[in-house]
PDB file of N, CA and C in Angstrom:
ATOM      1  N   UNK A   1       0.826  -1.199   0.000  1.00  0.00           N
ATOM      2  CA  UNK A   1       0.000   0.000   0.000  1.00  0.00           C
ATOM      3  C   UNK A   1       0.864   1.254   0.000  1.00  0.00           C
ATOM      4  N   UNK A   2       1.874   1.262   0.844  1.00  0.00           N
ATOM      5  CA  UNK A   2       2.750   2.428   0.934  1.00  0.00           C
ATOM      6  C   UNK A   2       3.429   2.709  -0.405  1.00  0.00           C
ATOM      7  N   UNK A   3       3.870   1.662  -1.068  1.00  0.00           N
ATOM      8  CA  UNK A   3       4.543   1.836  -2.352  1.00  0.00           C
ATOM      9  C   UNK A   3       3.605   2.430  -3.389  1.00  0.00           C
ATOM     10  N   UNK A   4       2.375   1.957  -3.439  1.00  0.00           N
ATOM     11  CA  UNK A   4       1.387   2.480  -4.371  1.00  0.00           C
ATOM     12  C   UNK A   4       1.108   3.948  -4.082  1.00  0.00           C
ATOM     13  N   UNK A   5       0.938   4.278  -2.833  1.00  0.00           N
ATOM     14  CA  UNK A   5       0.695   5.670  -2.449  1.00  0.00           C
ATOM     15  C   UNK A   5       1.863   6.547  -2.864  1.00  0.00           C
ATOM     16  N   UNK A   6       3.050   6.068  -2.648  1.00  0.00           N
ATOM     17  CA  UNK A   6       4.246   6.835  -3.010  1.00  0.00           C
ATOM     18  C   UNK A   6       4.323   7.031  -4.523  1.00  0.00           C
ATOM     19  N   UNK A   7       3.998   5.985  -5.289  1.00  0.00           N
ATOM     20  CA  UNK A   7       4.028   6.101  -6.748  1.00  0.00           C
ATOM     21  C   UNK A   7       2.991   7.103  -7.252  1.00  0.00           C
ATOM     22  N   UNK A   8       1.817   7.066  -6.655  1.00  0.00           N
ATOM     23  CA  UNK A   8       0.761   8.015  -7.048  1.00  0.00           C
ATOM     24  C   UNK A   8       1.207   9.437  -6.741  1.00  0.00           C
ATOM     25  N   UNK A   9       1.743   9.651  -5.555  1.00  0.00           N
ATOM     26  CA  UNK A   9       2.220  10.992  -5.186  1.00  0.00           C
ATOM     27  C   UNK A   9       3.326  11.456  -6.119  1.00  0.00           C
ATOM     28  N   UNK A  10       4.232  10.567  -6.458  1.00  0.00           N
ATOM     29  CA  UNK A  10       5.327  10.902  -7.364  1.00  0.00           C
ATOM     30  C   UNK A  10       4.787  11.272  -8.748  1.00  0.00           C
ATOM     31  N   UNK A  11       3.816  10.508  -9.223  1.00  0.00           N
ATOM     32  CA  UNK A  11       3.216  10.788 -10.529  1.00  0.00           C
ATOM     33  C   UNK A  11       2.511  12.137 -10.534  1.00  0.00           C
ATOM     34  N   UNK A  12       1.744  12.401  -9.493  1.00  0.00           N
ATOM     35  CA  UNK A  12       1.038  13.678  -9.393  1.00  0.00           C
ATOM     36  C   UNK A  12       2.032  14.824  -9.311  1.00  0.00           C
ATOM     37  N   UNK A  13       3.054  14.652  -8.506  1.00  0.00           N
ATOM     38  CA  UNK A  13       4.080  15.682  -8.370  1.00  0.00           C
ATOM     39  C   UNK A  13       4.760  15.950  -9.715  1.00  0.00           C
ATOM     40  N   UNK A  14       5.025  14.890 -10.456  1.00  0.00           N
ATOM     41  CA  UNK A  14       5.651  15.043 -11.769  1.00  0.00           C
ATOM     42  C   UNK A  14       4.778  15.816 -12.731  1.00  0.00           C
ATOM     43  N   UNK A  15       3.483  15.541 -12.704  1.00  0.00           N
ATOM     44  CA  UNK A  15       2.565  16.271 -13.586  1.00  0.00           C
ATOM     45  C   UNK A  15       2.461  17.735 -13.185  1.00  0.00           C
ATOM     46  N   UNK A  16       2.443  17.999 -11.903  1.00  0.00           N
ATOM     47  CA  UNK A  16       2.400  19.385 -11.426  1.00  0.00           C
ATOM     48  C   UNK A  16       3.654  20.122 -11.872  1.00  0.00           C
ATOM     49  N   UNK A  17       4.802  19.498 -11.719  1.00  0.00           N
ATOM     50  CA  UNK A  17       6.056  20.120 -12.150  1.00  0.00           C
ATOM     51  C   UNK A  17       6.064  20.350 -13.651  1.00  0.00           C
ATOM     52  N   UNK A  18       5.544  19.411 -14.422  1.00  0.00           N
ATOM     53  CA  UNK A  18       5.500  19.566 -15.879  1.00  0.00           C
ATOM     54  C   UNK A  18       4.605  20.737 -16.268  1.00  0.00           C
ATOM     55  N   UNK A  19       3.459  20.878 -15.591  1.00  0.00           N
ATOM     56  CA  UNK A  19       2.568  22.016 -15.891  1.00  0.00           C
ATOM     57  C   UNK A  19       3.229  23.336 -15.539  1.00  0.00           C
ATOM     58  N   UNK A  20       3.920  23.369 -14.408  1.00  0.00           N
ATOM     59  CA  UNK A  20       4.625  24.594 -14.023  1.00  0.00           C
ATOM     60  C   UNK A  20       5.703  24.940 -15.031  1.00  0.00           C
ATOM     61  N   UNK A  21       6.441  23.944 -15.470  1.00  0.00           N
ATOM     62  CA  UNK A  21       7.507  24.165 -16.449  1.00  0.00           C
ATOM     63  C   UNK A  21       6.920  24.676 -17.764  1.00  0.00           C
ATOM     64  N   UNK A  22       5.796  24.114 -18.183  1.00  0.00           N
ATOM     65  CA  UNK A  22       5.170  24.565 -19.434  1.00  0.00           C
ATOM     66  C   UNK A  22       4.677  26.006 -19.298  1.00  0.00           C
ATOM     67  N   UNK A  23       4.061  26.332 -18.161  1.00  0.00           N
ATOM     68  CA  UNK A  23       3.612  27.723 -17.963  1.00  0.00           C
ATOM     69  C   UNK A  23       4.797  28.683 -17.997  1.00  0.00           C
ATOM     70  N   UNK A  24       5.908  28.292 -17.396  1.00  0.00           N
ATOM     71  CA  UNK A  24       7.111  29.125 -17.416  1.00  0.00           C
ATOM     72  C   UNK A  24       7.603  29.290 -18.850  1.00  0.00           C
ATOM     73  N   UNK A  25       7.598  28.211 -19.634  1.00  0.00           N
ATOM     74  CA  UNK A  25       8.022  28.281 -21.020  1.00  0.00           C
ATOM     75  C   UNK A  25       7.115  29.208 -21.817  1.00  0.00           C
ATOM     76  N   UNK A  26       5.816  29.117 -21.585  1.00  0.00           N
ATOM     77  CA  UNK A  26       4.863  29.999 -22.273  1.00  0.00           C
ATOM     78  C   UNK A  26       5.169  31.460 -21.936  1.00  0.00           C
ATOM     79  N   UNK A  27       5.446  31.738 -20.667  1.00  0.00           N
ATOM     80  CA  UNK A  27       5.784  33.121 -20.271  1.00  0.00           C
ATOM     81  C   UNK A  27       7.069  33.588 -20.960  1.00  0.00           C
ATOM     82  N   UNK A  28       8.065  32.719 -20.982  1.00  0.00           N
ATOM     83  CA  UNK A  28       9.334  33.091 -21.598  1.00  0.00           C
ATOM     84  C   UNK A  28       9.178  33.341 -23.098  1.00  0.00           C
ATOM     85  N   UNK A  29       8.452  32.475 -23.770  1.00  0.00           N
ATOM     86  CA  UNK A  29       8.225  32.668 -25.209  1.00  0.00           C
ATOM     87  C   UNK A  29       7.421  33.934 -25.439  1.00  0.00           C
ATOM     88  N   UNK A  30       6.447  34.185 -24.582  1.00  0.00           N
ATOM     89  CA  UNK A  30       5.625  35.388 -24.708  1.00  0.00           C
ATOM     90  C   UNK A  30       6.402  36.675 -24.504  1.00  0.00           C
ATOM     91  N   UNK A  31       7.557  36.574 -23.877  1.00  0.00           N
ATOM     92  CA  UNK A  31       8.353  37.783 -23.648  1.00  0.00           C
ATOM     93  C   UNK A  31       9.063  38.256 -24.915  1.00  0.00           C
ATOM     94  N   UNK A  32       9.103  37.398 -25.943  1.00  0.00           N
ATOM     95  CA  UNK A  32       9.671  37.795 -27.237  1.00  0.00           C
ATOM     96  C   UNK A  32       8.566  38.485 -28.027  1.00  0.00           C
ATOM     97  N   UNK A  33       8.483  39.806 -27.917  1.00  0.00           N
ATOM     98  CA  UNK A  33       7.344  40.528 -28.483  1.00  0.00           C
ATOM     99  C   UNK A  33       7.672  41.332 -29.734  1.00  0.00           C
ATOM    100  N   UNK A  34       8.788  41.987 -29.748  1.00  0.00           N
ATOM    101  CA  UNK A  34       9.111  42.859 -30.882  1.00  0.00           C
ATOM    102  C   UNK A  34       9.577  42.016 -32.068  1.00  0.00           C
ATOM    103  N   UNK A  35       9.525  42.579 -33.272  1.00  0.00           N
ATOM    104  CA  UNK A  35      10.020  41.839 -34.436  1.00  0.00           C
ATOM    105  C   UNK A  35      11.483  41.390 -34.263  1.00  0.00           C
ATOM    106  N   UNK A  36      12.304  42.223 -33.668  1.00  0.00           N
ATOM    107  CA  UNK A  36      13.710  41.852 -33.458  1.00  0.00           C
ATOM    108  C   UNK A  36      13.827  40.687 -32.483  1.00  0.00           C
ATOM    109  N   UNK A  37      13.020  40.706 -31.437  1.00  0.00           N
ATOM    110  CA  UNK A  37      13.047  39.611 -30.462  1.00  0.00           C
ATOM    111  C   UNK A  37      12.524  38.319 -31.083  1.00  0.00           C
ATOM    112  N   UNK A  38      11.476  38.430 -31.918  1.00  0.00           N
ATOM    113  CA  UNK A  38      10.948  37.236 -32.586  1.00  0.00           C
ATOM    114  C   UNK A  38      11.969  36.669 -33.568  1.00  0.00           C
ATOM    115  N   UNK A  39      12.689  37.547 -34.249  1.00  0.00           N
ATOM    116  CA  UNK A  39      13.749  37.088 -35.150  1.00  0.00           C
ATOM    117  C   UNK A  39      14.819  36.355 -34.354  1.00  0.00           C
ATOM    118  N   UNK A  40      15.191  36.904 -33.206  1.00  0.00           N
ATOM    119  CA  UNK A  40      16.168  36.246 -32.342  1.00  0.00           C
ATOM    120  C   UNK A  40      15.676  34.859 -31.941  1.00  0.00           C
ATOM    121  N   UNK A  41      14.407  34.756 -31.568  1.00  0.00           N
ATOM    122  CA  UNK A  41      13.836  33.462 -31.190  1.00  0.00           C
ATOM    123  C   UNK A  41      13.870  32.500 -32.374  1.00  0.00           C
ATOM    124  N   UNK A  42      13.507  32.987 -33.557  1.00  0.00           N
ATOM    125  CA  UNK A  42      13.542  32.146 -34.754  1.00  0.00           C
ATOM    126  C   UNK A  42      14.956  31.644 -35.037  1.00  0.00           C
ATOM    127  N   UNK A  43      15.942  32.503 -34.856  1.00  0.00           N
ATOM    128  CA  UNK A  43      17.330  32.096 -35.076  1.00  0.00           C
ATOM    129  C   UNK A  43      17.772  31.048 -34.064  1.00  0.00           C
ATOM    130  N   UNK A  44      17.363  31.226 -32.826  1.00  0.00           N
ATOM    131  CA  UNK A  44      17.686  30.250 -31.786  1.00  0.00           C
ATOM    132  C   UNK A  44      17.045  28.905 -32.122  1.00  0.00           C
ATOM    133  N   UNK A  45      15.775  28.931 -32.472  1.00  0.00           N
ATOM    134  CA  UNK A  45      15.064  27.692 -32.768  1.00  0.00           C
ATOM    135  C   UNK A  45      15.603  27.019 -34.025  1.00  0.00           C
ATOM    136  N   UNK A  46      16.103  27.818 -34.958  1.00  0.00           N
ATOM    137  CA  UNK A  46      16.644  27.286 -36.200  1.00  0.00           C
ATOM    138  C   UNK A  46      17.872  26.421 -35.999  1.00  0.00           C
ATOM    139  N   UNK A  47      18.486  26.506 -34.848  1.00  0.00           N
ATOM    140  CA  UNK A  47      19.676  25.698 -34.551  1.00  0.00           C
ATOM    141  C   UNK A  47      19.334  24.323 -34.005  1.00  0.00           C
ATOM    142  N   UNK A  48      18.054  24.035 -33.882  1.00  0.00           N
ATOM    143  CA  UNK A  48      17.622  22.781 -33.267  1.00  0.00           C
ATOM    144  C   UNK A  48      16.726  21.997 -34.220  1.00  0.00           C
ATOM    145  N   UNK A  49      16.585  20.714 -33.948  1.00  0.00           N
ATOM    146  CA  UNK A  49      15.736  19.867 -34.782  1.00  0.00           C
ATOM    147  C   UNK A  49      14.265  20.128 -34.468  1.00  0.00           C
ATOM    148  N   UNK A  50      13.426  19.698 -35.406  1.00  0.00           N
ATOM    149  CA  UNK A  50      11.983  19.843 -35.190  1.00  0.00           C
ATOM    150  C   UNK A  50      11.538  19.101 -33.936  1.00  0.00           C
ATOM    151  N   UNK A  51      12.131  17.960 -33.701  1.00  0.00           N
ATOM    152  CA  UNK A  51      11.790  17.182 -32.511  1.00  0.00           C
ATOM    153  C   UNK A  51      12.138  17.947 -31.238  1.00  0.00           C
ATOM    154  N   UNK A  52      13.270  18.629 -31.239  1.00  0.00           N
ATOM    155  CA  UNK A  52      13.717  19.362 -30.058  1.00  0.00           C
ATOM    156  C   UNK A  52      12.840  20.568 -29.766  1.00  0.00           C
ATOM    157  N   UNK A  53      12.262  21.159 -30.796  1.00  0.00           N
ATOM    158  CA  UNK A  53      11.487  22.392 -30.599  1.00  0.00           C
ATOM    159  C   UNK A  53       9.983  22.171 -30.747  1.00  0.00           C
ATOM    160  N   UNK A  54       9.549  20.925 -30.763  1.00  0.00           N
ATOM    161  CA  UNK A  54       8.131  20.609 -30.982  1.00  0.00           C
ATOM    162  C   UNK A  54       7.214  21.313 -29.982  1.00  0.00           C
ATOM    163  N   UNK A  55       7.581  21.292 -28.708  1.00  0.00           N
ATOM    164  CA  UNK A  55       6.724  21.919 -27.699  1.00  0.00           C
ATOM    165  C   UNK A  55       6.660  23.434 -27.897  1.00  0.00           C
ATOM    166  N   UNK A  56       7.788  24.034 -28.224  1.00  0.00           N
ATOM    167  CA  UNK A  56       7.814  25.488 -28.457  1.00  0.00           C
ATOM    168  C   UNK A  56       6.993  25.831 -29.702  1.00  0.00           C
ATOM    169  N   UNK A  57       7.134  25.043 -30.762  1.00  0.00           N
ATOM    170  CA  UNK A  57       6.337  25.277 -31.961  1.00  0.00           C
ATOM    171  C   UNK A  57       4.834  25.209 -31.653  1.00  0.00           C
ATOM    172  N   UNK A  58       4.445  24.243 -30.846  1.00  0.00           N
ATOM    173  CA  UNK A  58       3.032  24.112 -30.480  1.00  0.00           C
ATOM    174  C   UNK A  58       2.549  25.346 -29.734  1.00  0.00           C
ATOM    175  N   UNK A  59       3.378  25.856 -28.851  1.00  0.00           N
ATOM    176  CA  UNK A  59       3.016  27.061 -28.086  1.00  0.00           C
ATOM    177  C   UNK A  59       2.904  28.254 -29.037  1.00  0.00           C
ATOM    178  N   UNK A  60       3.848  28.390 -29.955  1.00  0.00           N
ATOM    179  CA  UNK A  60       3.812  29.514 -30.899  1.00  0.00           C
ATOM    180  C   UNK A  60       2.590  29.435 -31.814  1.00  0.00           C
ATOM    181  N   UNK A  61       2.234  28.241 -32.236  1.00  0.00           N
ATOM    182  CA  UNK A  61       1.060  28.084 -33.113  1.00  0.00           C
ATOM    183  C   UNK A  61      -0.238  28.410 -32.382  1.00  0.00           C
ATOM    184  N   UNK A  62      -0.268  28.168 -31.081  1.00  0.00           N
ATOM    185  CA  UNK A  62      -1.506  28.435 -30.330  1.00  0.00           C
ATOM    186  C   UNK A  62      -1.631  29.894 -29.894  1.00  0.00           C
ATOM    187  N   UNK A  63      -0.557  30.643 -30.050  1.00  0.00           N
ATOM    188  CA  UNK A  63      -0.566  32.047 -29.605  1.00  0.00           C
ATOM    189  C   UNK A  63      -1.252  32.946 -30.600  1.00  0.00           C
TER     190      UNK A  63
END
């Protein structure tokens, strides 16, 4: 029983941390507002694979 409870708590904690991390990422991406800042973001993202930037692309598409 204790092990199951611990696993559930760990899973919930992990999901909470993931949501917090995503909200932080959304805030950080949202801080790139001017055309120059967006160009900088595009240049940064251009150095990475589509797989690496998939979450950021999803956030940008939903904005």
